Protein backbone atom coordinates (compact mmCIF):
# COMPACT_ATOMS: atom_id res chain seq x y z
CA UNK A 1 93.74 89.62 103.49
CA UNK A 2 93.39 89.91 99.58
CA UNK A 3 95.02 92.78 97.87
CA UNK A 4 93.19 95.08 95.65
CA UNK A 5 94.17 93.47 92.66
CA UNK A 6 93.54 89.97 93.98
CA UNK A 7 89.63 91.13 95.23
CA UNK A 8 88.85 92.89 91.78
CA UNK A 9 90.41 89.54 89.94
CA UNK A 10 87.85 87.43 92.07
CA UNK A 11 85.12 89.37 91.22
CA UNK A 12 85.94 89.62 87.43
CA UNK A 13 86.27 85.77 87.08
CA UNK A 14 83.10 85.12 89.04
CA UNK A 15 81.36 87.86 86.60
CA UNK A 16 82.85 85.98 83.44
CA UNK A 17 82.09 82.56 84.77
CA UNK A 18 78.39 83.73 85.19
CA UNK A 19 78.33 85.15 81.97
CA UNK A 20 79.78 82.28 79.96
CA UNK A 21 77.03 79.68 81.68
CA UNK A 22 74.84 81.95 79.70
CA UNK A 23 76.86 81.26 76.57
CA UNK A 24 78.17 85.09 76.36
CA UNK A 25 81.50 86.51 76.38
CA UNK A 26 81.71 89.77 78.08
CA UNK A 27 83.95 92.85 77.05
CA UNK A 28 86.29 94.68 79.18
CA UNK A 29 84.00 97.51 79.75
CA UNK A 30 81.21 95.62 81.21
CA UNK A 31 83.46 93.57 83.75
CA UNK A 32 85.33 96.69 85.11
CA UNK A 33 81.62 98.54 85.19
CA UNK A 34 79.98 94.90 86.57
CA UNK A 35 83.24 94.84 89.32
CA UNK A 36 83.22 98.45 89.84
CA UNK A 37 86.94 98.59 89.03
CA UNK A 38 88.79 101.59 87.06
CA UNK A 39 88.99 100.12 83.38
CA UNK A 40 92.84 100.13 82.89
CA UNK A 41 93.24 98.25 86.35
CA UNK A 42 90.97 95.53 85.18
CA UNK A 43 92.61 95.25 81.89
CA UNK A 44 95.93 94.49 84.00
CA UNK A 45 94.03 91.92 86.16
CA UNK A 46 92.54 89.94 83.10
CA UNK A 47 96.17 90.12 81.46
CA UNK A 48 97.55 88.18 84.59
CA UNK A 49 94.39 86.16 84.66
CA UNK A 50 94.48 85.32 80.76
CA UNK A 51 98.40 84.62 81.06
CA UNK A 52 97.37 82.07 84.02
CA UNK A 53 94.67 80.19 81.77
CA UNK A 54 91.91 80.93 84.23
CA UNK A 55 90.04 83.48 81.12
CA UNK A 56 90.29 83.26 77.39
CA UNK A 57 90.36 86.07 75.82
CA UNK A 58 88.79 85.99 72.15
CA UNK A 59 89.94 88.94 69.88
CA UNK A 60 87.83 90.92 67.45
CA UNK A 61 84.20 91.28 66.58
CA UNK A 62 81.82 89.39 69.05
CA UNK A 63 85.39 88.90 71.34
CA UNK A 64 86.00 89.20 74.82
CA UNK A 65 86.47 86.67 77.81
CA UNK A 66 85.17 83.73 78.66
CA UNK A 67 85.47 80.68 80.64
CA UNK A 68 84.99 77.35 79.25
CA UNK A 69 82.19 75.18 81.65
CA UNK A 70 84.66 72.37 82.05
CA UNK A 71 87.47 74.89 83.34
CA UNK A 72 84.81 76.48 85.64
CA UNK A 73 84.15 73.38 87.32
CA UNK A 74 88.19 72.50 87.55
CA UNK A 75 89.11 76.47 88.54
CA UNK A 76 89.07 77.24 92.29
CA UNK A 77 89.52 80.33 94.07
CA UNK A 78 93.20 79.35 95.14
CA UNK A 79 94.21 79.23 91.68
CA UNK A 80 92.98 82.85 91.17
CA UNK A 81 94.55 84.16 94.54
CA UNK A 82 97.88 82.78 93.88
CA UNK A 83 97.66 83.86 90.15
CA UNK A 84 97.33 87.59 91.37
CA UNK A 85 98.86 87.46 94.98
CA UNK A 86 101.14 84.63 94.89
CA UNK A 87 100.93 82.01 97.82
CA UNK A 88 101.26 84.99 100.65
CA UNK A 89 97.88 84.22 101.79
CA UNK A 90 98.65 80.75 102.47
CA UNK A 91 101.90 80.98 103.87
CA UNK A 92 102.37 84.62 105.39
CA UNK A 93 102.65 86.00 108.85
CA UNK A 94 99.53 87.67 110.47
CA UNK A 95 101.53 90.73 111.48
CA UNK A 96 103.57 90.52 108.17
CA UNK A 97 106.97 89.74 109.28
CA UNK A 98 109.54 87.84 107.46
CA UNK A 99 110.84 86.10 109.76
CA UNK A 100 107.94 84.47 111.41
CA UNK A 101 107.94 80.61 111.55
CA UNK A 102 107.22 77.45 113.67
CA UNK A 103 110.70 77.72 115.28
CA UNK A 104 110.45 81.58 115.53
CA UNK A 105 107.05 82.39 116.01
CA UNK A 106 105.24 86.17 115.95
CA UNK A 107 102.42 86.69 118.98
CA UNK A 108 99.75 85.41 116.98
CA UNK A 109 101.69 82.92 114.46
CA UNK A 110 99.57 79.87 116.21
CA UNK A 111 95.96 81.67 116.07
CA UNK A 112 96.67 83.25 112.82
CA UNK A 113 97.97 79.91 111.22
CA UNK A 114 94.39 78.16 112.27
CA UNK A 115 92.65 80.99 110.42
CA UNK A 116 94.93 80.82 107.26
CA UNK A 117 94.66 76.98 106.89
CA UNK A 118 90.75 77.37 107.46
CA UNK A 119 90.96 80.28 104.62
CA UNK A 120 93.23 78.00 102.46
CA UNK A 121 90.77 74.74 102.70
CA UNK A 122 87.92 77.06 101.58
CA UNK A 123 89.81 78.45 98.49
CA UNK A 124 91.25 75.42 97.30
CA UNK A 125 87.50 73.33 97.86
CA UNK A 126 85.49 76.51 96.26
CA UNK A 127 85.47 76.31 92.16
CA UNK A 128 84.21 78.76 90.00
CA UNK A 129 81.17 76.77 88.72
CA UNK A 130 79.20 77.26 92.23
CA UNK A 131 79.92 80.63 92.40
CA UNK A 132 78.80 81.35 88.98
CA UNK A 133 75.78 79.08 89.37
CA UNK A 134 74.99 81.33 92.53
CA UNK A 135 75.00 84.65 90.49
CA UNK A 136 73.27 82.89 87.91
CA UNK A 137 70.21 81.71 90.09
CA UNK A 138 70.07 84.80 91.84
CA UNK A 139 71.31 83.63 95.55
CA UNK A 140 74.11 85.57 95.24
CA UNK A 141 75.70 88.81 93.90
CA UNK A 142 78.53 90.94 93.21
CA UNK A 143 76.88 94.40 93.29
CA UNK A 144 73.95 95.72 94.58
């Protein structure tokens, strides 16, 4: 459903948020290792997330990536997905057809629309703070 870029971006953002909860900035190498992503690919993803004001980048000694605690409660998964994949997860056809619509539905249009709407609701109502706190408490994991 999500592109690899988006999957890694969500993982990276959650990891950065979990570290920011502990007042830690985290570097590119640590992020790439923790989310099991190639470093150069992770750098490109973080650049997009930074330009979208989802993560903050601090250069120099003691620098790295962070997310303010205030922002964590306001940034939703929907914002991350939109920054990395656009709105296709919210509007796209389940079969990938360009002409699928209410007036010209594909064979799975009505069933997929229900799933897409439930996914959109979950993404719009899940913020980074709750996900980061799950990592911090040990209730959820990014990697085994």
